[in-house]
Structures are given as structure tokens and as C-alpha cells.
């Protein structure tokens, strides 16, 4: 009887831990299921944190849940939250007259942003722009999407360059972030 009650509690959907949870000003990311060792300095870990921040929202503290939790706060958490804004700057998806959506296009904003962010922590905006320059639009909606994508790439690159400058100044002033 005791085993049945334990199993029923374990099988409830609400009791299964989520990948990330935002409560108050703390974003807790469950790293226990990840095959990589949590290291907030690694590009994979940074990309994962930025992805979860862009989905859940900004937080003053970012906690990586492992056997020994790691927590980021202060300027480091602020920088990650700012990066998440640029990461999530892909244009909305539109549907064409024939029912196709922009997400199916190899040159959609979200796919080009993936190309740019694949080089993280040093995003490759030039590669994404080069691919976009070689694209020949088929209709006016494509032209609108292209312009939004150029704008999103420009804003993300400008924002990241400003953030790098600010981090550099802060690091020089304090001896590290």
C-alpha cells in the first residue's frame, strides 16, 4: 500500500521537475539532466542559461541546480539577462498566402539568428548577413521579413558590442565581473 502511494505521487505531472523555473527574482535551471558538467564559463552552459532567461524572464539571481548548486548574481546575472534580450530578438513568424510560414524558410529570422548565435560567445553576425544577402525574395512578405531580420541582427550586434565594452570597463575597474 505504501509503495502504491509513493508511485502515484511520483507519477503526477505537477511533481516532475521542469527544466527551469522563475520564482521571485531567482531563475533555477535544472542541470541534473544535462550530459555536460555545469560550468557557467563554457559556451554551452552560457547558451543554455541565456535560452532559459529568454523563455522565463529576467532574474537577479540565476541558480544552476546540480548536486552542488552554482549561483550567479550582480553584474554577471545582469549581463546574461541583457544577452537574453538580444538572443530572443528574432522577428515573429508570418504565414504566406499558400499557408507556408516563414519558419519553414531556410532564411527565416529565427534560423539566421541560430547561425549567428552558433558562434557564441562571439556571435557570427557576418555569416548570417552573408546568407541573407544571397537570398532572393519571392514576394513582398519576404521583403518585410528580410528587413526585420537585418534590423534584428543589427540590434543584437550593437547591443552585444556595447555589453562587451561595459563588461570590459567593469572588469578593469573591479578586477573581474
N, C-alpha and C. Protein backbone atom coordinates (compact mmCIF):
# COMPACT_ATOMS: atom_id res chain seq x y z
N UNK A 1 0.82 -1.20 0.00
CA UNK A 1 0.00 0.00 0.00
C UNK A 1 0.86 1.26 0.00
N UNK A 2 1.92 1.28 0.79
CA UNK A 2 2.81 2.42 0.89
C UNK A 2 3.52 2.67 -0.45
N UNK A 3 3.92 1.61 -1.12
CA UNK A 3 4.61 1.73 -2.41
C UNK A 3 3.68 2.33 -3.45
N UNK A 4 2.39 1.92 -3.46
CA UNK A 4 1.42 2.48 -4.41
C UNK A 4 1.26 3.98 -4.22
N UNK A 5 1.19 4.45 -3.00
CA UNK A 5 1.02 5.88 -2.77
C UNK A 5 2.27 6.66 -3.18
N UNK A 6 3.44 6.08 -2.95
CA UNK A 6 4.68 6.74 -3.38
C UNK A 6 4.74 6.83 -4.89
N UNK A 7 4.40 5.74 -5.58
CA UNK A 7 4.40 5.74 -7.04
C UNK A 7 3.39 6.71 -7.62
N UNK A 8 2.22 6.82 -7.01
CA UNK A 8 1.22 7.75 -7.53
C UNK A 8 1.69 9.20 -7.39
N UNK A 9 2.38 9.51 -6.30
CA UNK A 9 2.92 10.85 -6.12
C UNK A 9 4.02 11.12 -7.15
N UNK A 10 4.86 10.13 -7.39
CA UNK A 10 5.95 10.29 -8.35
C UNK A 10 5.45 10.43 -9.77
N UNK A 11 4.32 9.85 -10.10
CA UNK A 11 3.80 9.86 -11.46
C UNK A 11 2.96 11.07 -11.79
N UNK A 12 2.65 11.91 -10.82
CA UNK A 12 1.87 13.12 -11.09
C UNK A 12 2.67 14.10 -11.92
N UNK A 13 2.02 14.70 -12.90
CA UNK A 13 2.71 15.64 -13.79
C UNK A 13 3.25 16.85 -13.04
N UNK A 14 2.54 17.37 -12.10
CA UNK A 14 2.97 18.56 -11.39
C UNK A 14 4.22 18.36 -10.56
N UNK A 15 4.54 17.12 -10.22
CA UNK A 15 5.69 16.83 -9.38
C UNK A 15 6.97 16.61 -10.17
N UNK A 16 6.88 16.51 -11.47
CA UNK A 16 8.06 16.32 -12.29
C UNK A 16 8.77 17.67 -12.41
N UNK A 17 10.07 17.71 -12.09
CA UNK A 17 10.78 18.99 -12.15
C UNK A 17 10.85 19.52 -13.58
N UNK A 18 10.71 20.81 -13.73
CA UNK A 18 10.80 21.43 -15.04
C UNK A 18 12.26 21.75 -15.32
N UNK A 19 12.56 22.11 -16.57
CA UNK A 19 13.93 22.46 -16.94
C UNK A 19 14.38 23.74 -16.24
N UNK A 20 13.46 24.68 -16.11
CA UNK A 20 13.79 25.94 -15.45
C UNK A 20 12.52 26.50 -14.82
N UNK A 21 12.73 27.23 -13.74
CA UNK A 21 11.59 27.82 -13.03
C UNK A 21 12.00 29.18 -12.49
N UNK A 22 11.14 30.15 -12.71
CA UNK A 22 11.39 31.51 -12.20
C UNK A 22 10.46 31.74 -11.03
N UNK A 23 11.04 31.97 -9.86
CA UNK A 23 10.24 32.30 -8.69
C UNK A 23 10.89 33.51 -8.01
N UNK A 24 10.06 34.53 -7.82
CA UNK A 24 10.52 35.82 -7.32
C UNK A 24 11.60 36.33 -8.25
N UNK A 25 12.80 36.53 -7.78
CA UNK A 25 13.89 37.03 -8.62
C UNK A 25 14.98 36.00 -8.84
N UNK A 26 14.63 34.71 -8.71
CA UNK A 26 15.61 33.63 -8.89
C UNK A 26 15.15 32.72 -10.01
N UNK A 27 16.01 32.55 -11.00
CA UNK A 27 15.76 31.60 -12.07
C UNK A 27 16.57 30.35 -11.75
N UNK A 28 15.88 29.25 -11.47
CA UNK A 28 16.54 27.98 -11.17
C UNK A 28 16.50 27.11 -12.41
N UNK A 29 17.68 26.71 -12.88
CA UNK A 29 17.79 25.87 -14.06
C UNK A 29 18.24 24.49 -13.61
N UNK A 30 17.47 23.48 -13.94
CA UNK A 30 17.77 22.11 -13.55
C UNK A 30 18.84 21.54 -14.49
N UNK A 31 20.07 21.45 -14.00
CA UNK A 31 21.19 20.94 -14.81
C UNK A 31 21.42 19.45 -14.58
N UNK A 32 20.62 18.83 -13.75
CA UNK A 32 20.84 17.42 -13.40
C UNK A 32 20.63 16.49 -14.59
N UNK A 33 19.80 16.89 -15.54
CA UNK A 33 19.52 16.04 -16.70
C UNK A 33 20.53 16.28 -17.83
N UNK A 34 21.34 17.30 -17.70
CA UNK A 34 22.30 17.67 -18.76
C UNK A 34 23.48 16.70 -18.74
N UNK A 35 23.95 16.35 -19.93
CA UNK A 35 25.08 15.42 -20.03
C UNK A 35 26.42 16.12 -19.82
N UNK A 36 26.42 17.44 -19.83
CA UNK A 36 27.66 18.20 -19.66
C UNK A 36 27.82 18.64 -18.20
N UNK A 37 29.05 18.89 -17.82
CA UNK A 37 29.33 19.38 -16.47
C UNK A 37 28.97 20.86 -16.43
N UNK A 38 28.13 21.29 -15.47
CA UNK A 38 27.76 22.70 -15.40
C UNK A 38 28.97 23.58 -15.12
N UNK A 39 29.25 24.47 -16.04
CA UNK A 39 30.34 25.43 -15.90
C UNK A 39 29.87 26.72 -16.55
N UNK A 40 29.55 27.71 -15.74
CA UNK A 40 28.96 28.94 -16.27
C UNK A 40 29.88 29.69 -17.22
N UNK A 41 31.14 29.27 -17.32
CA UNK A 41 32.07 29.91 -18.26
C UNK A 41 32.08 29.22 -19.63
N UNK A 42 31.49 28.04 -19.74
CA UNK A 42 31.51 27.32 -21.02
C UNK A 42 30.44 27.88 -21.96
N UNK A 43 30.73 27.91 -23.26
CA UNK A 43 29.73 28.42 -24.22
C UNK A 43 28.41 27.66 -24.17
N UNK A 44 28.45 26.33 -24.01
CA UNK A 44 27.21 25.56 -23.95
C UNK A 44 26.36 25.94 -22.75
N UNK A 45 27.00 26.11 -21.62
CA UNK A 45 26.27 26.48 -20.40
C UNK A 45 25.70 27.90 -20.53
N UNK A 46 26.51 28.81 -21.05
CA UNK A 46 26.04 30.18 -21.25
C UNK A 46 24.85 30.21 -22.20
N UNK A 47 24.94 29.48 -23.30
CA UNK A 47 23.85 29.44 -24.27
C UNK A 47 22.58 28.89 -23.63
N UNK A 48 22.72 27.85 -22.82
CA UNK A 48 21.56 27.26 -22.14
C UNK A 48 20.94 28.26 -21.16
N UNK A 49 21.78 28.94 -20.37
CA UNK A 49 21.25 29.93 -19.42
C UNK A 49 20.52 31.05 -20.15
N UNK A 50 21.13 31.55 -21.22
CA UNK A 50 20.52 32.64 -21.98
C UNK A 50 19.20 32.18 -22.60
N UNK A 51 19.17 30.94 -23.07
CA UNK A 51 17.93 30.40 -23.64
C UNK A 51 16.82 30.39 -22.57
N UNK A 52 17.13 29.89 -21.38
CA UNK A 52 16.12 29.82 -20.32
C UNK A 52 15.69 31.21 -19.84
N UNK A 53 16.62 32.15 -19.80
CA UNK A 53 16.26 33.51 -19.41
C UNK A 53 15.32 34.12 -20.45
N UNK A 54 15.61 33.88 -21.73
CA UNK A 54 14.75 34.45 -22.78
C UNK A 54 13.35 33.84 -22.74
N UNK A 55 13.23 32.59 -22.28
CA UNK A 55 11.91 31.96 -22.19
C UNK A 55 11.16 32.36 -20.91
N UNK A 56 11.87 32.46 -19.79
CA UNK A 56 11.22 32.66 -18.50
C UNK A 56 11.20 34.11 -18.02
N UNK A 57 12.19 34.90 -18.43
CA UNK A 57 12.26 36.30 -17.99
C UNK A 57 13.50 36.57 -17.17
N UNK A 58 13.77 37.84 -16.95
CA UNK A 58 14.97 38.27 -16.22
C UNK A 58 14.91 37.88 -14.76
N UNK A 59 16.09 37.71 -14.18
CA UNK A 59 16.19 37.36 -12.77
C UNK A 59 17.43 38.02 -12.18
N UNK A 60 17.36 38.35 -10.91
CA UNK A 60 18.52 38.93 -10.24
C UNK A 60 19.55 37.86 -9.91
N UNK A 61 19.07 36.65 -9.71
CA UNK A 61 19.95 35.51 -9.41
C UNK A 61 19.62 34.37 -10.36
N UNK A 62 20.67 33.72 -10.84
CA UNK A 62 20.50 32.56 -11.71
C UNK A 62 21.16 31.39 -11.02
N UNK A 63 20.38 30.38 -10.72
CA UNK A 63 20.87 29.23 -9.97
C UNK A 63 20.91 28.01 -10.89
N UNK A 64 22.10 27.40 -11.00
CA UNK A 64 22.25 26.16 -11.75
C UNK A 64 22.12 25.03 -10.75
N UNK A 65 21.04 24.25 -10.88
CA UNK A 65 20.74 23.18 -9.93
C UNK A 65 21.52 21.93 -10.31
N UNK A 66 22.45 21.55 -9.47
CA UNK A 66 23.24 20.34 -9.64
C UNK A 66 23.35 19.69 -8.27
N UNK A 67 24.26 18.75 -8.12
CA UNK A 67 24.46 18.18 -6.79
C UNK A 67 25.00 19.26 -5.85
N UNK A 68 25.74 20.21 -6.41
CA UNK A 68 26.20 21.38 -5.65
C UNK A 68 25.81 22.60 -6.48
N UNK A 69 24.78 23.31 -6.06
CA UNK A 69 24.24 24.43 -6.84
C UNK A 69 25.29 25.53 -7.04
N UNK A 70 25.19 26.14 -8.22
CA UNK A 70 26.03 27.29 -8.58
C UNK A 70 25.08 28.46 -8.78
N UNK A 71 25.42 29.62 -8.23
CA UNK A 71 24.54 30.78 -8.36
C UNK A 71 25.31 31.98 -8.89
N UNK A 72 24.70 32.65 -9.87
CA UNK A 72 25.25 33.88 -10.43
C UNK A 72 24.35 35.03 -10.03
N UNK A 73 24.94 36.17 -9.73
CA UNK A 73 24.16 37.35 -9.35
C UNK A 73 24.97 38.59 -9.67
N UNK A 74 24.40 39.74 -9.44
CA UNK A 74 25.09 41.01 -9.67
C UNK A 74 25.32 41.27 -11.15
N UNK A 75 26.48 41.85 -11.49
CA UNK A 75 26.76 42.20 -12.89
C UNK A 75 26.73 41.00 -13.84
N UNK A 76 27.13 39.82 -13.35
CA UNK A 76 27.12 38.63 -14.21
C UNK A 76 25.69 38.26 -14.61
N UNK A 77 24.78 38.27 -13.66
CA UNK A 77 23.38 37.95 -13.97
C UNK A 77 22.76 39.04 -14.85
N UNK A 78 23.11 40.29 -14.58
CA UNK A 78 22.60 41.40 -15.42
C UNK A 78 23.06 41.25 -16.86
N UNK A 79 24.32 40.89 -17.05
CA UNK A 79 24.86 40.72 -18.40
C UNK A 79 24.15 39.57 -19.12
N UNK A 80 23.90 38.47 -18.42
CA UNK A 80 23.20 37.34 -19.05
C UNK A 80 21.77 37.72 -19.42
N UNK A 81 21.11 38.47 -18.57
CA UNK A 81 19.73 38.90 -18.87
C UNK A 81 19.72 39.83 -20.07
N UNK A 82 20.73 40.69 -20.18
CA UNK A 82 20.79 41.58 -21.34
C UNK A 82 21.07 40.78 -22.61
N UNK A 83 21.94 39.78 -22.53
CA UNK A 83 22.20 38.93 -23.68
C UNK A 83 20.93 38.19 -24.11
N UNK A 84 20.13 37.80 -23.15
CA UNK A 84 18.89 37.07 -23.46
C UNK A 84 17.94 37.92 -24.28
N UNK A 85 17.95 39.23 -24.07
CA UNK A 85 17.11 40.13 -24.86
C UNK A 85 17.53 40.07 -26.33
N UNK A 86 18.85 40.10 -26.57
CA UNK A 86 19.35 40.06 -27.94
C UNK A 86 19.13 38.68 -28.55
N UNK A 87 19.27 37.64 -27.73
CA UNK A 87 19.08 36.26 -28.18
C UNK A 87 17.64 36.04 -28.66
N UNK A 88 16.70 36.63 -27.97
CA UNK A 88 15.29 36.44 -28.29
C UNK A 88 14.74 37.47 -29.26
N UNK A 89 15.60 38.14 -30.01
CA UNK A 89 15.14 39.24 -30.85
C UNK A 89 14.71 38.81 -32.26
N UNK A 90 14.47 37.53 -32.48
CA UNK A 90 14.03 37.07 -33.79
C UNK A 90 12.64 37.62 -34.09
N UNK A 91 12.41 37.95 -35.36
CA UNK A 91 11.12 38.52 -35.79
C UNK A 91 10.01 37.47 -35.67
N UNK A 92 8.77 37.91 -35.49
CA UNK A 92 7.67 36.96 -35.43
C UNK A 92 7.49 36.22 -36.76
N UNK A 93 6.92 35.04 -36.68
CA UNK A 93 6.71 34.20 -37.86
C UNK A 93 5.42 34.59 -38.56
N UNK A 94 5.48 34.74 -39.88
CA UNK A 94 4.32 35.09 -40.68
C UNK A 94 3.90 33.90 -41.54
N UNK A 95 2.65 33.85 -41.90
CA UNK A 95 2.15 32.83 -42.82
C UNK A 95 1.94 33.46 -44.19
N UNK A 96 2.37 32.77 -45.23
CA UNK A 96 2.14 33.24 -46.60
C UNK A 96 0.75 32.86 -47.06
N UNK A 97 0.37 33.34 -48.24
CA UNK A 97 -0.96 33.06 -48.79
C UNK A 97 -1.19 31.57 -48.99
N UNK A 98 -0.13 30.84 -49.34
CA UNK A 98 -0.28 29.41 -49.59
C UNK A 98 -0.20 28.57 -48.32
N UNK A 99 -0.14 29.22 -47.15
CA UNK A 99 -0.15 28.51 -45.88
C UNK A 99 1.23 28.21 -45.31
N UNK A 100 2.28 28.46 -46.09
CA UNK A 100 3.63 28.23 -45.58
C UNK A 100 3.96 29.34 -44.58
N UNK A 101 4.72 28.99 -43.57
CA UNK A 101 5.14 30.01 -42.61
C UNK A 101 6.61 30.33 -42.83
N UNK A 102 7.01 31.50 -42.36
CA UNK A 102 8.40 31.92 -42.50
C UNK A 102 9.35 30.95 -41.81
N UNK A 103 8.87 30.25 -40.78
CA UNK A 103 9.74 29.34 -40.05
C UNK A 103 10.23 28.20 -40.93
N UNK A 104 9.50 27.89 -41.99
CA UNK A 104 9.92 26.82 -42.91
C UNK A 104 11.03 27.28 -43.84
N UNK A 105 11.21 28.56 -43.99
CA UNK A 105 12.21 29.13 -44.88
C UNK A 105 13.60 29.00 -44.27
N UNK A 106 14.57 28.61 -45.07
CA UNK A 106 15.95 28.48 -44.59
C UNK A 106 16.55 29.84 -44.23
N UNK A 107 15.92 30.92 -44.70
CA UNK A 107 16.41 32.26 -44.43
C UNK A 107 15.52 33.03 -43.47
N UNK A 108 14.74 32.32 -42.67
CA UNK A 108 13.89 32.98 -41.69
C UNK A 108 14.74 33.64 -40.62
N UNK A 109 14.18 34.62 -39.97
CA UNK A 109 14.90 35.35 -38.93
C UNK A 109 15.40 34.40 -37.84
N UNK A 110 14.55 33.50 -37.41
CA UNK A 110 14.96 32.60 -36.33
C UNK A 110 16.11 31.68 -36.76
N UNK A 111 16.09 31.21 -38.00
CA UNK A 111 17.18 30.34 -38.47
C UNK A 111 18.48 31.12 -38.67
N UNK A 112 18.37 32.34 -39.13
CA UNK A 112 19.57 33.16 -39.29
C UNK A 112 20.14 33.57 -37.93
N UNK A 113 19.28 33.80 -36.96
CA UNK A 113 19.76 34.10 -35.62
C UNK A 113 20.45 32.88 -35.02
N UNK A 114 19.95 31.69 -35.33
CA UNK A 114 20.62 30.46 -34.87
C UNK A 114 22.03 30.39 -35.44
N UNK A 115 22.19 30.76 -36.73
CA UNK A 115 23.51 30.78 -37.36
C UNK A 115 24.41 31.77 -36.64
N UNK A 116 23.88 32.96 -36.37
CA UNK A 116 24.67 33.98 -35.69
C UNK A 116 25.08 33.51 -34.29
N UNK A 117 24.14 32.91 -33.56
CA UNK A 117 24.41 32.51 -32.18
C UNK A 117 25.20 31.21 -32.08
N UNK A 118 25.37 30.49 -33.18
CA UNK A 118 26.13 29.25 -33.12
C UNK A 118 27.59 29.53 -32.77
N UNK A 119 28.06 30.73 -33.01
CA UNK A 119 29.43 31.10 -32.67
C UNK A 119 29.58 31.64 -31.26
N UNK A 120 28.53 31.58 -30.46
CA UNK A 120 28.56 32.13 -29.11
C UNK A 120 29.71 31.50 -28.33
N UNK A 121 30.45 32.27 -27.58
CA UNK A 121 30.18 33.57 -27.01
C UNK A 121 30.54 34.75 -27.92
N UNK A 122 31.05 34.46 -29.11
CA UNK A 122 31.33 35.52 -30.07
C UNK A 122 30.43 35.31 -31.28
N UNK A 123 29.18 35.78 -31.23
CA UNK A 123 28.23 35.52 -32.31
C UNK A 123 28.75 35.93 -33.68
N UNK A 124 28.38 35.17 -34.69
CA UNK A 124 28.86 35.38 -36.05
C UNK A 124 27.76 36.06 -36.88
N UNK A 125 27.61 37.36 -36.68
CA UNK A 125 26.58 38.11 -37.38
C UNK A 125 26.88 38.25 -38.87
N UNK A 126 28.17 38.33 -39.22
CA UNK A 126 28.54 38.47 -40.63
C UNK A 126 28.12 37.26 -41.46
N UNK A 127 28.24 36.08 -40.89
CA UNK A 127 27.84 34.86 -41.60
C UNK A 127 26.33 34.87 -41.86
N UNK A 128 25.57 35.27 -40.87
CA UNK A 128 24.11 35.34 -41.02
C UNK A 128 23.73 36.39 -42.07
N UNK A 129 24.40 37.55 -42.01
CA UNK A 129 24.12 38.61 -43.00
C UNK A 129 24.49 38.15 -44.41
N UNK A 130 25.61 37.44 -44.55
CA UNK A 130 26.03 36.94 -45.86
C UNK A 130 25.01 36.00 -46.46
N UNK A 131 24.47 35.15 -45.63
CA UNK A 131 23.43 34.23 -46.12
C UNK A 131 22.18 35.00 -46.52
N UNK A 132 21.85 36.02 -45.76
CA UNK A 132 20.67 36.82 -46.06
C UNK A 132 20.86 37.62 -47.35
N UNK A 133 22.08 38.10 -47.59
CA UNK A 133 22.34 38.87 -48.81
C UNK A 133 22.19 38.03 -50.08
N UNK A 134 22.46 36.73 -49.96
CA UNK A 134 22.36 35.87 -51.14
C UNK A 134 20.91 35.40 -51.41
N UNK A 135 20.00 35.69 -50.49
CA UNK A 135 18.60 35.27 -50.64
C UNK A 135 17.85 36.21 -51.56
N UNK A 136 17.11 35.66 -52.49
CA UNK A 136 16.27 36.45 -53.41
C UNK A 136 14.81 36.23 -53.04
N UNK A 137 14.16 37.27 -52.52
CA UNK A 137 12.77 37.13 -52.05
C UNK A 137 11.80 36.83 -53.19
N UNK A 138 10.72 36.14 -52.82
CA UNK A 138 9.70 35.76 -53.80
C UNK A 138 8.47 36.66 -53.74
N UNK A 139 8.23 37.30 -52.62
CA UNK A 139 7.06 38.19 -52.52
C UNK A 139 7.33 39.32 -51.52
N UNK A 140 6.36 40.20 -51.36
CA UNK A 140 6.54 41.38 -50.50
C UNK A 140 6.70 41.00 -49.02
N UNK A 141 6.07 39.90 -48.62
CA UNK A 141 6.23 39.48 -47.22
C UNK A 141 7.67 39.07 -46.94
N UNK A 142 8.31 38.47 -47.94
CA UNK A 142 9.72 38.12 -47.78
C UNK A 142 10.56 39.38 -47.60
N UNK A 143 10.24 40.43 -48.36
CA UNK A 143 10.98 41.70 -48.23
C UNK A 143 10.84 42.27 -46.82
N UNK A 144 9.63 42.22 -46.27
CA UNK A 144 9.38 42.71 -44.91
C UNK A 144 10.17 41.88 -43.90
N UNK A 145 10.14 40.57 -44.09
CA UNK A 145 10.85 39.66 -43.18
C UNK A 145 12.36 39.91 -43.25
N UNK A 146 12.87 40.12 -44.45
CA UNK A 146 14.31 40.40 -44.63
C UNK A 146 14.70 41.67 -43.89
N UNK A 147 13.90 42.71 -44.03
CA UNK A 147 14.21 43.97 -43.35
C UNK A 147 14.18 43.80 -41.84
N UNK A 148 13.20 43.05 -41.33
CA UNK A 148 13.12 42.81 -39.89
C UNK A 148 14.32 42.00 -39.41
N UNK A 149 14.76 41.06 -40.24
CA UNK A 149 15.90 40.23 -39.88
C UNK A 149 17.18 41.05 -39.84
N UNK A 150 17.39 41.90 -40.85
CA UNK A 150 18.55 42.80 -40.84
C UNK A 150 18.53 43.67 -39.58
N UNK A 151 17.37 44.20 -39.27
CA UNK A 151 17.23 45.07 -38.09
C UNK A 151 17.54 44.29 -36.81
N UNK A 152 17.01 43.06 -36.71
CA UNK A 152 17.26 42.24 -35.51
C UNK A 152 18.75 41.90 -35.38
N UNK A 153 19.39 41.57 -36.50
CA UNK A 153 20.83 41.28 -36.47
C UNK A 153 21.63 42.51 -36.05
N UNK A 154 21.28 43.67 -36.63
CA UNK A 154 21.97 44.92 -36.30
C UNK A 154 21.80 45.27 -34.82
N UNK A 155 20.58 45.16 -34.31
CA UNK A 155 20.32 45.50 -32.91
C UNK A 155 21.06 44.55 -31.97
N UNK A 156 21.04 43.26 -32.31
CA UNK A 156 21.73 42.29 -31.47
C UNK A 156 23.23 42.55 -31.47
N UNK A 157 23.80 42.80 -32.64
CA UNK A 157 25.24 43.05 -32.72
C UNK A 157 25.62 44.34 -31.98
N UNK A 158 24.86 45.39 -32.17
CA UNK A 158 25.12 46.66 -31.49
C UNK A 158 25.03 46.48 -29.98
N UNK A 159 23.98 45.79 -29.54
CA UNK A 159 23.79 45.58 -28.11
C UNK A 159 24.90 44.74 -27.50
N UNK A 160 25.33 43.71 -28.21
CA UNK A 160 26.40 42.85 -27.69
C UNK A 160 27.72 43.60 -27.64
N UNK A 161 28.00 44.40 -28.66
CA UNK A 161 29.23 45.20 -28.64
C UNK A 161 29.23 46.19 -27.48
N UNK A 162 28.10 46.83 -27.22
CA UNK A 162 28.01 47.74 -26.07
C UNK A 162 28.17 46.99 -24.75
N UNK A 163 27.58 45.81 -24.67
CA UNK A 163 27.69 45.00 -23.47
C UNK A 163 29.15 44.57 -23.24
N UNK A 164 29.84 44.18 -24.31
CA UNK A 164 31.26 43.80 -24.19
C UNK A 164 32.09 44.98 -23.68
N UNK A 165 31.82 46.18 -24.19
CA UNK A 165 32.54 47.37 -23.73
C UNK A 165 32.29 47.62 -22.24
N UNK A 166 31.01 47.51 -21.86
CA UNK A 166 30.65 47.74 -20.45
C UNK A 166 31.31 46.70 -19.55
N UNK A 167 31.32 45.44 -19.98
CA UNK A 167 31.94 44.38 -19.19
C UNK A 167 33.44 44.63 -19.08
N UNK A 168 34.05 45.07 -20.18
CA UNK A 168 35.49 45.36 -20.18
C UNK A 168 35.81 46.48 -19.20
N UNK A 169 35.03 47.53 -19.22
CA UNK A 169 35.24 48.66 -18.30
C UNK A 169 35.01 48.20 -16.87
N UNK A 170 33.95 47.45 -16.62
CA UNK A 170 33.64 46.95 -15.27
C UNK A 170 34.75 46.03 -14.77
N UNK A 171 35.25 45.16 -15.64
CA UNK A 171 36.32 44.25 -15.26
C UNK A 171 37.60 45.01 -14.92
N UNK A 172 37.90 46.01 -15.71
CA UNK A 172 39.10 46.81 -15.45
C UNK A 172 38.97 47.57 -14.14
N UNK A 173 37.76 48.05 -13.87
CA UNK A 173 37.52 48.83 -12.66
C UNK A 173 37.56 47.97 -11.40
N UNK A 174 36.98 46.76 -11.47
CA UNK A 174 36.83 45.94 -10.28
C UNK A 174 37.78 44.74 -10.22
N UNK A 175 38.49 44.49 -11.32
CA UNK A 175 39.37 43.33 -11.35
C UNK A 175 38.66 42.06 -11.73
N UNK A 176 37.45 42.14 -12.26
CA UNK A 176 36.66 40.98 -12.68
C UNK A 176 35.20 41.24 -12.49
N UNK A 177 34.39 40.45 -13.14
CA UNK A 177 32.94 40.67 -13.05
C UNK A 177 32.34 39.86 -11.95
